[in-house]
Amino acid sequence: MAMRSIRFNPAPALDKSAATTVHEWYQDRTGAFSAGFWASEPSEIEVSYDEDEFCVLIEGTVELTDATGHTETYEAGASFLIPSGFTGTWKSVTPVRKFYVVHLPKAPAAAPA
């Protein structure tokens, strides 16, 4: 099987009937690694990450507030990582478009009984 690179389209069609649009362009055979495009209108949601996510913000402004109340602001052109275990608030201050790469860490092996 030949492997090919995947070109990310920075302006895919948006789902006008939904608050968010997701285009997953790649997922490995295990389902633990994926990459794609995500967009949203201004909104604020509580988040709890089981996965590690690397983001490249194409458009908009995002505020990430962790469980202690610390806020980081990211604007178009910024790249950032949200680690597995992060809990807090994701606020899309303006309409947002991002590329993402997600890795779901392997669950720890169960201890022998």
Protein backbone atom coordinates (compact mmCIF):
# COMPACT_ATOMS: atom_id res chain seq x y z
CA MET A 1 0.00 0.00 0.00
CA ALA A 2 1.41 3.40 -0.98
CA MET A 3 1.38 6.11 1.67
CA ARG A 4 0.67 9.69 0.64
CA SER A 5 0.90 12.98 2.43
CA ILE A 6 -2.31 14.75 3.39
CA ARG A 7 -2.80 18.40 2.47
CA PHE A 8 -4.78 20.35 5.06
CA ASN A 9 -7.33 22.74 3.54
CA PRO A 10 -7.48 25.92 5.69
CA ALA A 11 -10.96 26.80 4.43
CA PRO A 12 -13.14 23.68 4.21
CA ALA A 13 -16.91 24.00 4.03
CA LEU A 14 -18.49 24.87 7.37
CA ASP A 15 -21.71 23.31 8.66
CA LYS A 16 -23.93 26.40 8.97
CA SER A 17 -26.55 24.43 10.94
CA ALA A 18 -24.14 23.51 13.77
CA ALA A 19 -22.18 25.46 16.39
CA THR A 20 -19.00 23.57 15.42
CA THR A 21 -17.59 21.94 12.30
CA VAL A 22 -15.13 19.03 12.40
CA HIS A 23 -13.28 17.49 9.46
CA GLU A 24 -11.10 14.59 10.60
CA TRP A 25 -8.61 14.10 7.80
CA TYR A 26 -6.51 11.35 9.30
CA GLN A 27 -6.75 8.64 11.94
CA ASP A 28 -4.18 5.90 12.43
CA ARG A 29 -5.12 2.22 12.57
CA THR A 30 -5.21 2.20 16.38
CA GLY A 31 -7.49 5.23 16.66
CA ALA A 32 -5.03 6.80 19.11
CA PHE A 33 -3.68 9.44 16.70
CA SER A 34 -5.77 11.75 14.54
CA ALA A 35 -5.57 15.11 12.80
CA GLY A 36 -7.97 17.49 11.15
CA PHE A 37 -9.81 20.80 11.12
CA TRP A 38 -12.20 22.28 13.70
CA ALA A 39 -14.23 25.50 13.62
CA SER A 40 -16.70 27.15 15.96
CA GLU A 41 -18.76 30.26 16.41
CA PRO A 42 -18.23 32.32 19.59
CA SER A 43 -19.01 30.04 22.53
CA GLU A 44 -17.78 28.85 25.90
CA ILE A 45 -17.65 25.19 26.97
CA GLU A 46 -16.33 23.19 29.90
CA VAL A 47 -13.63 20.76 28.74
CA SER A 48 -11.86 17.73 30.19
CA TYR A 49 -9.08 16.27 28.04
CA ASP A 50 -8.28 12.53 28.00
CA GLU A 51 -6.05 13.20 24.98
CA ASP A 52 -3.06 15.41 24.19
CA GLU A 53 -4.00 18.00 21.55
CA PHE A 54 -1.69 20.22 19.52
CA CYS A 55 -3.51 23.17 17.93
CA VAL A 56 -2.60 25.67 15.21
CA LEU A 57 -5.04 28.56 15.31
CA ILE A 58 -5.81 29.70 11.76
CA GLU A 59 -8.42 32.32 12.65
CA GLY A 60 -9.91 33.85 15.77
CA THR A 61 -9.17 34.22 19.45
CA VAL A 62 -9.36 31.48 22.09
CA GLU A 63 -9.16 31.78 25.87
CA LEU A 64 -8.26 28.61 27.80
CA THR A 65 -8.89 28.79 31.53
CA ASP A 66 -7.64 25.94 33.71
CA ALA A 67 -9.25 24.59 36.89
CA THR A 68 -7.25 27.05 39.04
CA GLY A 69 -8.60 30.04 37.11
CA HIS A 70 -5.41 30.77 35.12
CA THR A 71 -6.25 32.00 31.60
CA GLU A 72 -4.09 31.87 28.47
CA THR A 73 -5.19 33.76 25.34
CA TYR A 74 -4.28 32.54 21.84
CA GLU A 75 -4.82 34.42 18.59
CA ALA A 76 -4.61 33.48 14.91
CA GLY A 77 -1.13 32.21 14.08
CA ALA A 78 -0.53 30.74 17.55
CA SER A 79 0.37 27.10 18.16
CA PHE A 80 -0.29 25.50 21.54
CA LEU A 81 -0.62 22.16 23.31
CA ILE A 82 -3.40 21.06 25.63
CA PRO A 83 -2.11 18.13 27.72
CA SER A 84 -4.06 15.06 28.71
CA GLY A 85 -5.66 15.71 32.10
CA PHE A 86 -6.42 19.39 31.42
CA THR A 87 -9.79 20.52 32.76
CA GLY A 88 -11.26 23.97 32.46
CA THR A 89 -12.99 26.23 29.97
CA TRP A 90 -12.48 26.71 26.23
CA LYS A 91 -13.84 30.07 25.10
CA SER A 92 -14.02 30.92 21.40
CA VAL A 93 -14.07 34.70 21.77
CA THR A 94 -14.57 35.17 18.02
CA PRO A 95 -15.27 32.67 15.23
CA VAL A 96 -12.40 30.16 15.39
CA ARG A 97 -10.70 27.86 12.86
CA LYS A 98 -7.90 25.52 13.86
CA PHE A 99 -5.89 22.56 12.69
CA TYR A 100 -5.49 19.91 15.37
CA VAL A 101 -3.43 16.82 16.05
CA VAL A 102 -4.69 14.54 18.82
CA HIS A 103 -2.93 11.69 20.57
CA LEU A 104 -4.84 9.51 23.03
CA PRO A 105 -2.30 8.14 25.53
CA LYS A 106 -2.37 4.43 26.07
CA ALA A 107 -4.35 3.51 29.16
CA PRO A 108 -2.12 2.26 31.98
CA ALA A 109 -1.93 -1.51 32.21
CA ALA A 110 -4.03 -2.98 34.98
CA ALA A 111 -2.04 -4.16 37.97
CA PRO A 112 -2.00 -7.94 38.41
CA ALA A 113 -4.46 -9.16 41.02
